[in-house]
Every structure is written in C-alpha cells, then in structure tokens.
N, C-alpha and C. Protein backbone atom coordinates (compact mmCIF):
# COMPACT_ATOMS: atom_id res chain seq x y z
N UNK A 1 6.01 -25.45 14.92
CA UNK A 1 5.86 -24.03 15.19
C UNK A 1 5.26 -23.84 16.58
N UNK A 2 5.81 -22.93 17.35
CA UNK A 2 5.34 -22.67 18.70
C UNK A 2 4.21 -21.65 18.65
N UNK A 3 3.10 -21.97 19.32
CA UNK A 3 1.97 -21.03 19.36
C UNK A 3 2.30 -19.90 20.33
N UNK A 4 1.97 -18.68 19.92
CA UNK A 4 2.21 -17.52 20.76
C UNK A 4 0.93 -17.17 21.52
N UNK A 5 1.11 -16.74 22.75
CA UNK A 5 -0.03 -16.28 23.53
C UNK A 5 -0.35 -14.84 23.17
N UNK A 6 -1.62 -14.51 23.23
CA UNK A 6 -2.06 -13.15 22.93
C UNK A 6 -2.23 -12.36 24.23
N UNK A 7 -2.23 -11.04 24.09
CA UNK A 7 -2.52 -10.14 25.20
C UNK A 7 -3.46 -9.07 24.68
N UNK A 8 -4.13 -8.38 25.60
CA UNK A 8 -5.05 -7.32 25.18
C UNK A 8 -4.26 -6.03 24.99
N UNK A 9 -4.43 -5.41 23.82
CA UNK A 9 -3.74 -4.17 23.48
C UNK A 9 -4.75 -3.09 23.18
N UNK A 10 -4.54 -1.94 23.78
CA UNK A 10 -5.38 -0.77 23.51
C UNK A 10 -4.44 0.37 23.11
N UNK A 11 -4.72 0.97 21.93
CA UNK A 11 -3.93 2.11 21.45
C UNK A 11 -4.86 3.30 21.34
N UNK A 12 -4.52 4.37 22.07
CA UNK A 12 -5.34 5.57 22.05
C UNK A 12 -4.48 6.79 21.74
N UNK A 13 -5.12 7.77 21.11
CA UNK A 13 -4.49 9.05 20.78
C UNK A 13 -5.45 10.16 21.16
N UNK A 14 -5.04 11.41 21.07
CA UNK A 14 -5.98 12.50 21.30
C UNK A 14 -7.18 12.45 20.35
N UNK A 15 -7.03 11.81 19.19
CA UNK A 15 -8.11 11.69 18.21
C UNK A 15 -9.06 10.54 18.50
N UNK A 16 -8.70 9.67 19.45
CA UNK A 16 -9.59 8.56 19.80
C UNK A 16 -8.87 7.22 19.81
N UNK A 17 -9.67 6.17 19.77
CA UNK A 17 -9.18 4.81 19.84
C UNK A 17 -8.68 4.35 18.47
N UNK A 18 -7.41 3.89 18.41
CA UNK A 18 -6.84 3.40 17.16
C UNK A 18 -6.87 1.88 17.06
N UNK A 19 -6.85 1.22 18.23
CA UNK A 19 -6.87 -0.25 18.24
C UNK A 19 -7.32 -0.71 19.61
N UNK A 20 -8.14 -1.75 19.62
CA UNK A 20 -8.58 -2.35 20.87
C UNK A 20 -8.86 -3.82 20.58
N UNK A 21 -7.91 -4.68 20.91
CA UNK A 21 -8.08 -6.09 20.61
C UNK A 21 -6.88 -6.91 21.05
N UNK A 22 -6.85 -8.13 20.57
CA UNK A 22 -5.77 -9.05 20.92
C UNK A 22 -4.56 -8.81 20.02
N UNK A 23 -3.38 -9.00 20.60
CA UNK A 23 -2.13 -8.89 19.86
C UNK A 23 -1.19 -10.00 20.33
N UNK A 24 -0.31 -10.40 19.43
CA UNK A 24 0.71 -11.39 19.78
C UNK A 24 2.02 -10.73 20.14
N UNK A 25 2.28 -9.56 19.52
CA UNK A 25 3.51 -8.82 19.80
C UNK A 25 3.32 -7.36 19.44
N UNK A 26 3.93 -6.50 20.21
CA UNK A 26 3.96 -5.06 19.96
C UNK A 26 5.41 -4.63 20.02
N UNK A 27 5.85 -3.90 19.02
CA UNK A 27 7.19 -3.33 19.04
C UNK A 27 7.07 -1.83 18.86
N UNK A 28 7.69 -1.08 19.76
CA UNK A 28 7.64 0.38 19.70
C UNK A 28 9.02 0.96 20.00
N UNK A 29 9.20 2.21 19.61
CA UNK A 29 10.41 2.95 19.94
C UNK A 29 10.15 3.74 21.21
N UNK A 30 10.95 3.49 22.23
CA UNK A 30 10.86 4.29 23.45
C UNK A 30 11.93 5.38 23.38
N UNK A 31 12.03 6.18 24.41
CA UNK A 31 13.04 7.24 24.41
C UNK A 31 14.45 6.68 24.59
N UNK A 32 14.56 5.38 24.94
CA UNK A 32 15.89 4.78 25.12
C UNK A 32 16.15 3.62 24.16
N UNK A 33 15.25 3.39 23.20
CA UNK A 33 15.46 2.33 22.23
C UNK A 33 14.20 1.55 21.95
N UNK A 34 14.30 0.56 21.08
CA UNK A 34 13.14 -0.25 20.71
C UNK A 34 12.80 -1.22 21.82
N UNK A 35 11.51 -1.51 21.94
CA UNK A 35 11.02 -2.40 22.98
C UNK A 35 9.98 -3.32 22.38
N UNK A 36 10.12 -4.61 22.64
CA UNK A 36 9.16 -5.59 22.18
C UNK A 36 8.35 -6.12 23.35
N UNK A 37 7.05 -6.22 23.16
CA UNK A 37 6.14 -6.70 24.21
C UNK A 37 5.45 -7.95 23.71
N UNK A 38 5.44 -8.97 24.54
CA UNK A 38 4.69 -10.20 24.27
C UNK A 38 3.91 -10.54 25.54
N UNK A 39 3.00 -11.49 25.43
CA UNK A 39 2.21 -11.92 26.59
C UNK A 39 3.16 -12.33 27.72
N UNK A 40 2.81 -11.95 28.94
CA UNK A 40 3.61 -12.31 30.09
C UNK A 40 4.75 -11.34 30.38
N UNK A 41 4.84 -10.25 29.63
CA UNK A 41 5.90 -9.26 29.84
C UNK A 41 5.78 -8.68 31.25
N UNK A 42 6.90 -8.36 31.85
CA UNK A 42 6.92 -7.74 33.16
C UNK A 42 6.19 -6.39 33.10
N UNK A 43 5.50 -6.02 34.17
CA UNK A 43 4.82 -4.73 34.23
C UNK A 43 5.84 -3.60 34.09
N UNK A 44 5.44 -2.57 33.36
CA UNK A 44 6.31 -1.39 33.21
C UNK A 44 5.51 -0.22 32.68
N UNK A 45 6.08 0.95 32.87
CA UNK A 45 5.58 2.19 32.27
C UNK A 45 6.80 2.88 31.69
N UNK A 46 6.70 3.32 30.43
CA UNK A 46 7.83 3.99 29.80
C UNK A 46 7.33 5.06 28.83
N UNK A 47 8.18 6.02 28.57
CA UNK A 47 7.82 7.07 27.59
C UNK A 47 8.19 6.59 26.20
N UNK A 48 7.41 7.05 25.22
CA UNK A 48 7.62 6.68 23.83
C UNK A 48 8.45 7.72 23.11
N UNK A 49 9.27 7.26 22.20
CA UNK A 49 10.04 8.15 21.36
C UNK A 49 9.33 8.36 20.03
N UNK A 50 10.10 8.40 18.97
CA UNK A 50 9.57 8.66 17.65
C UNK A 50 10.09 7.58 16.71
N UNK A 51 9.18 6.75 16.18
CA UNK A 51 9.63 5.69 15.29
C UNK A 51 8.51 4.81 14.80
N UNK A 52 8.89 3.71 14.20
CA UNK A 52 7.93 2.76 13.65
C UNK A 52 7.45 1.82 14.76
N UNK A 53 6.16 1.60 14.80
CA UNK A 53 5.57 0.61 15.70
C UNK A 53 5.04 -0.52 14.83
N UNK A 54 5.06 -1.73 15.38
CA UNK A 54 4.45 -2.85 14.68
C UNK A 54 3.56 -3.61 15.66
N UNK A 55 2.41 -4.02 15.15
CA UNK A 55 1.45 -4.80 15.92
C UNK A 55 1.23 -6.10 15.18
N UNK A 56 1.58 -7.21 15.83
CA UNK A 56 1.40 -8.53 15.24
C UNK A 56 0.15 -9.16 15.86
N UNK A 57 -0.77 -9.57 15.00
CA UNK A 57 -1.99 -10.25 15.44
C UNK A 57 -2.10 -11.57 14.68
N UNK A 58 -3.16 -12.30 14.95
CA UNK A 58 -3.41 -13.54 14.22
C UNK A 58 -3.56 -13.27 12.72
N UNK A 59 -3.98 -12.05 12.37
CA UNK A 59 -4.21 -11.69 10.97
C UNK A 59 -2.97 -11.19 10.24
N UNK A 60 -1.88 -10.99 10.95
CA UNK A 60 -0.66 -10.50 10.32
C UNK A 60 -0.07 -9.32 11.07
N UNK A 61 0.81 -8.58 10.39
CA UNK A 61 1.52 -7.45 11.00
C UNK A 61 1.07 -6.15 10.36
N UNK A 62 0.79 -5.18 11.22
CA UNK A 62 0.49 -3.82 10.76
C UNK A 62 1.56 -2.90 11.31
N UNK A 63 1.90 -1.88 10.52
CA UNK A 63 2.91 -0.91 10.91
C UNK A 63 2.27 0.47 11.08
N UNK A 64 2.89 1.28 11.92
CA UNK A 64 2.39 2.63 12.17
C UNK A 64 3.55 3.55 12.52
N UNK A 65 3.33 4.84 12.29
CA UNK A 65 4.24 5.87 12.79
C UNK A 65 3.73 6.23 14.17
N UNK A 66 4.59 6.09 15.16
CA UNK A 66 4.22 6.36 16.55
C UNK A 66 5.15 7.43 17.08
N UNK A 67 4.56 8.55 17.51
CA UNK A 67 5.37 9.69 17.91
C UNK A 67 4.93 10.19 19.27
N UNK A 68 5.77 9.95 20.27
CA UNK A 68 5.54 10.45 21.62
C UNK A 68 4.41 9.77 22.36
N UNK A 69 4.45 9.90 23.68
CA UNK A 69 3.40 9.36 24.52
C UNK A 69 3.96 8.43 25.58
N UNK A 70 3.09 7.52 26.04
CA UNK A 70 3.45 6.59 27.12
C UNK A 70 2.98 5.19 26.78
N UNK A 71 3.67 4.20 27.33
CA UNK A 71 3.29 2.80 27.21
C UNK A 71 3.19 2.22 28.61
N UNK A 72 2.07 1.56 28.86
CA UNK A 72 1.85 0.91 30.15
C UNK A 72 1.61 -0.58 29.90
N UNK A 73 2.37 -1.41 30.61
CA UNK A 73 2.21 -2.86 30.51
C UNK A 73 1.81 -3.36 31.88
N UNK A 74 0.63 -3.97 31.95
CA UNK A 74 0.16 -4.62 33.17
C UNK A 74 -0.17 -6.06 32.81
N UNK A 75 -0.39 -6.85 33.81
CA UNK A 75 -0.63 -8.28 33.60
C UNK A 75 -1.67 -8.56 32.53
N UNK A 76 -2.80 -7.86 32.58
CA UNK A 76 -3.91 -8.17 31.68
C UNK A 76 -4.12 -7.16 30.56
N UNK A 77 -3.34 -6.09 30.52
CA UNK A 77 -3.60 -5.04 29.53
C UNK A 77 -2.33 -4.26 29.20
N UNK A 78 -2.11 -4.07 27.90
CA UNK A 78 -1.04 -3.19 27.42
C UNK A 78 -1.74 -1.98 26.80
N UNK A 79 -1.39 -0.79 27.30
CA UNK A 79 -2.01 0.44 26.81
C UNK A 79 -0.94 1.36 26.25
N UNK A 80 -1.10 1.72 24.99
CA UNK A 80 -0.21 2.66 24.33
C UNK A 80 -1.00 3.95 24.16
N UNK A 81 -0.55 5.01 24.81
CA UNK A 81 -1.19 6.32 24.70
C UNK A 81 -0.20 7.21 23.93
N UNK A 82 -0.48 7.39 22.65
CA UNK A 82 0.47 8.09 21.78
C UNK A 82 0.00 9.50 21.46
N UNK A 83 0.94 10.42 21.35
CA UNK A 83 0.64 11.76 20.88
C UNK A 83 0.16 11.68 19.44
N UNK A 84 0.87 10.88 18.63
CA UNK A 84 0.49 10.63 17.24
C UNK A 84 0.69 9.14 16.96
N UNK A 85 -0.31 8.53 16.35
CA UNK A 85 -0.22 7.12 15.95
C UNK A 85 -0.97 6.99 14.64
N UNK A 86 -0.22 6.80 13.54
CA UNK A 86 -0.82 6.72 12.21
C UNK A 86 -0.49 5.38 11.58
N UNK A 87 -1.53 4.59 11.28
CA UNK A 87 -1.31 3.34 10.57
C UNK A 87 -0.70 3.66 9.22
N UNK A 88 0.18 2.80 8.76
CA UNK A 88 0.92 3.04 7.52
C UNK A 88 0.00 3.37 6.35
N UNK A 89 -1.11 2.65 6.26
CA UNK A 89 -2.02 2.87 5.12
C UNK A 89 -2.75 4.21 5.19
N UNK A 90 -2.70 4.87 6.34
CA UNK A 90 -3.37 6.16 6.51
C UNK A 90 -2.42 7.35 6.34
N UNK A 91 -1.15 7.09 6.19
CA UNK A 91 -0.16 8.17 6.09
C UNK A 91 -0.26 8.83 4.72
N UNK A 92 -0.35 10.14 4.75
CA UNK A 92 -0.37 10.95 3.53
C UNK A 92 1.08 11.27 3.17
N UNK A 93 1.65 10.52 2.24
CA UNK A 93 3.07 10.69 1.92
C UNK A 93 3.36 12.04 1.26
N UNK A 94 2.41 12.55 0.50
CA UNK A 94 2.61 13.88 -0.10
C UNK A 94 2.73 14.94 0.99
N UNK A 95 1.88 14.84 2.01
CA UNK A 95 1.93 15.77 3.13
C UNK A 95 3.25 15.63 3.89
N UNK A 96 3.70 14.40 4.09
CA UNK A 96 4.97 14.17 4.78
C UNK A 96 6.14 14.76 4.00
N UNK A 97 6.13 14.59 2.68
CA UNK A 97 7.19 15.16 1.84
C UNK A 97 7.17 16.69 1.88
N UNK A 98 5.98 17.28 1.84
CA UNK A 98 5.86 18.74 1.91
C UNK A 98 6.39 19.25 3.25
N UNK A 99 6.07 18.54 4.31
CA UNK A 99 6.55 18.93 5.64
C UNK A 99 8.08 18.82 5.71
N UNK A 100 8.61 17.78 5.11
CA UNK A 100 10.06 17.61 5.07
C UNK A 100 10.72 18.76 4.31
N UNK A 101 10.15 19.14 3.19
CA UNK A 101 10.71 20.25 2.40
C UNK A 101 10.68 21.57 3.17
N UNK A 102 9.55 21.84 3.84
CA UNK A 102 9.46 23.07 4.64
C UNK A 102 10.48 23.07 5.76
N UNK A 103 10.64 21.94 6.41
CA UNK A 103 11.61 21.84 7.50
C UNK A 103 13.03 22.07 6.97
N UNK A 104 13.36 21.48 5.85
CA UNK A 104 14.69 21.66 5.27
C UNK A 104 14.96 23.11 4.90
N UNK A 105 13.93 23.82 4.41
CA UNK A 105 14.10 25.23 4.08
C UNK A 105 14.46 26.04 5.32
N UNK A 106 13.78 25.78 6.43
CA UNK A 106 14.07 26.49 7.68
C UNK A 106 15.48 26.13 8.16
N UNK A 107 15.83 24.84 8.11
CA UNK A 107 17.14 24.41 8.59
C UNK A 107 18.28 25.02 7.77
N UNK A 108 18.03 25.34 6.50
CA UNK A 108 19.06 25.95 5.65
C UNK A 108 19.06 27.47 5.72
N UNK A 109 18.07 28.03 6.38
CA UNK A 109 17.94 29.48 6.46
C UNK A 109 19.00 30.06 7.40
N UNK A 110 19.62 31.13 6.97
CA UNK A 110 20.62 31.81 7.80
C UNK A 110 19.97 32.68 8.88
N UNK A 111 18.70 33.03 8.68
CA UNK A 111 18.04 33.95 9.61
C UNK A 111 17.10 33.26 10.59
N UNK A 112 17.04 31.93 10.59
CA UNK A 112 16.13 31.21 11.48
C UNK A 112 16.61 31.30 12.93
N UNK A 113 15.66 31.49 13.83
CA UNK A 113 15.99 31.53 15.26
C UNK A 113 16.27 30.11 15.76
N UNK A 114 16.86 30.03 16.94
CA UNK A 114 17.12 28.72 17.54
C UNK A 114 15.82 27.94 17.74
N UNK A 115 14.75 28.62 18.12
CA UNK A 115 13.45 27.97 18.31
C UNK A 115 12.92 27.44 16.98
N UNK A 116 13.04 28.26 15.92
CA UNK A 116 12.60 27.82 14.59
C UNK A 116 13.39 26.59 14.14
N UNK A 117 14.68 26.58 14.43
CA UNK A 117 15.53 25.45 14.05
C UNK A 117 15.12 24.18 14.80
N UNK A 118 14.86 24.31 16.09
CA UNK A 118 14.44 23.14 16.88
C UNK A 118 13.10 22.60 16.39
N UNK A 119 12.16 23.48 16.10
CA UNK A 119 10.86 23.06 15.60
C UNK A 119 10.98 22.40 14.23
N UNK A 120 11.83 22.97 13.38
CA UNK A 120 12.03 22.39 12.04
C UNK A 120 12.70 21.02 12.13
N UNK A 121 13.63 20.88 13.04
CA UNK A 121 14.29 19.59 13.22
C UNK A 121 13.28 18.52 13.67
N UNK A 122 12.41 18.88 14.60
CA UNK A 122 11.37 17.94 15.05
C UNK A 122 10.40 17.61 13.92
N UNK A 123 10.02 18.61 13.13
CA UNK A 123 9.12 18.40 11.99
C UNK A 123 9.78 17.46 10.97
N UNK A 124 11.05 17.65 10.73
CA UNK A 124 11.78 16.81 9.79
C UNK A 124 11.81 15.35 10.29
N UNK A 125 12.09 15.14 11.57
CA UNK A 125 12.12 13.79 12.12
C UNK A 125 10.75 13.11 11.99
N UNK A 126 9.68 13.83 12.29
CA UNK A 126 8.33 13.25 12.17
C UNK A 126 8.04 12.87 10.72
N UNK A 127 8.40 13.75 9.80
CA UNK A 127 8.15 13.48 8.38
C UNK A 127 8.94 12.26 7.91
N UNK A 128 10.17 12.13 8.35
CA UNK A 128 10.99 10.99 7.96
C UNK A 128 10.44 9.68 8.52
N UNK A 129 9.93 9.72 9.74
CA UNK A 129 9.31 8.52 10.31
C UNK A 129 8.09 8.12 9.49
N UNK A 130 7.25 9.09 9.19
CA UNK A 130 6.04 8.80 8.40
C UNK A 130 6.40 8.21 7.03
N UNK A 131 7.35 8.82 6.36
CA UNK A 131 7.76 8.33 5.04
C UNK A 131 8.32 6.91 5.13
N UNK A 132 9.14 6.67 6.12
CA UNK A 132 9.74 5.35 6.30
C UNK A 132 8.67 4.28 6.53
N UNK A 133 7.72 4.58 7.39
CA UNK A 133 6.64 3.61 7.69
C UNK A 133 5.78 3.39 6.45
N UNK A 134 5.42 4.44 5.76
CA UNK A 134 4.58 4.30 4.56
C UNK A 134 5.31 3.48 3.50
N UNK A 135 6.60 3.68 3.33
CA UNK A 135 7.36 2.96 2.31
C UNK A 135 7.59 1.51 2.71
N UNK A 136 7.70 1.22 4.00
CA UNK A 136 7.83 -0.16 4.46
C UNK A 136 6.64 -0.97 4.00
N UNK A 137 5.46 -0.40 4.13
CA UNK A 137 4.24 -1.10 3.73
C UNK A 137 4.19 -1.27 2.22
N UNK A 138 4.61 -0.24 1.48
CA UNK A 138 4.59 -0.32 0.02
C UNK A 138 5.49 -1.44 -0.49
N UNK A 139 6.65 -1.64 0.16
CA UNK A 139 7.59 -2.69 -0.26
C UNK A 139 7.02 -4.07 0.05
N UNK A 140 6.24 -4.19 1.11
CA UNK A 140 5.70 -5.49 1.51
C UNK A 140 4.47 -5.87 0.69
N UNK A 141 3.84 -4.89 0.03
CA UNK A 141 2.62 -5.16 -0.74
C UNK A 141 2.92 -5.93 -2.00
C-alpha cells in the first residue's frame, strides 16, 4: 500500500470554522465539475458549486453538503470558504424534506412568479444535496 501525503485543510463558513487539520484528500463540486485535491496539487482558485464534499483523513472519510463559495489551493494550505458546509451527521433530514416539499409546491404553482420559481428551484437543489449526503452516511453505517 502506498502512503499518502497529507496537506493542511481549513474549511470555513459564515458560521465559523468547520475543520482545521490534516487531510489526505478533498473532493468537492466546483461550478464546472468535481475536483479532487491531494498533497502537491497545483495552486488554484475556483468557485464551488452545489454537491457532496468528502474529506479523507487518517481517521477515515467524512462527507458534507457543500453549497457555494470558493476553494483556494496553495503549496502549504488548502482553504475552502463555503456559503454552506454541513457535515452529513449534522444534516436535519426532516428539515431538508420539508424544504423540498415547499419548493415542489411553488414549482407546481400556476401563479408563481419567475423569481419565485428560480428561488424554489435553488431550494429544491439544496434540499436534494442535503438528503443525498445524509443518506450516503446512513448506508455506510
């Protein structure tokens, strides 16, 4: 088995610090597709999309719903600044389902404005990401 090198990863949100430590691999959804980061990755800055993130450490893999923000990769530090970053075990699936139902009601409404439809579509996508991440962890348990 080949030993993997670690890099320093810092994950921050408007609510504060979500992670600050060593990681072996980070996988996130950017606005143009999934991106995997390992030690020695070329420097880059990219915008984040909406999807599942995974952080691999010596202790195992953790999953999160990561929605919007920026990712910066430098030689000594990878910084993920997310609009929303929720570890799978912290996701309130009942709340995600309720949000999905509300969004679907608006999307099926004949009287919804274009703005209401766009907001409902975004709400639905966020809810689906959260549900998917939460269920991924449940299947692995």
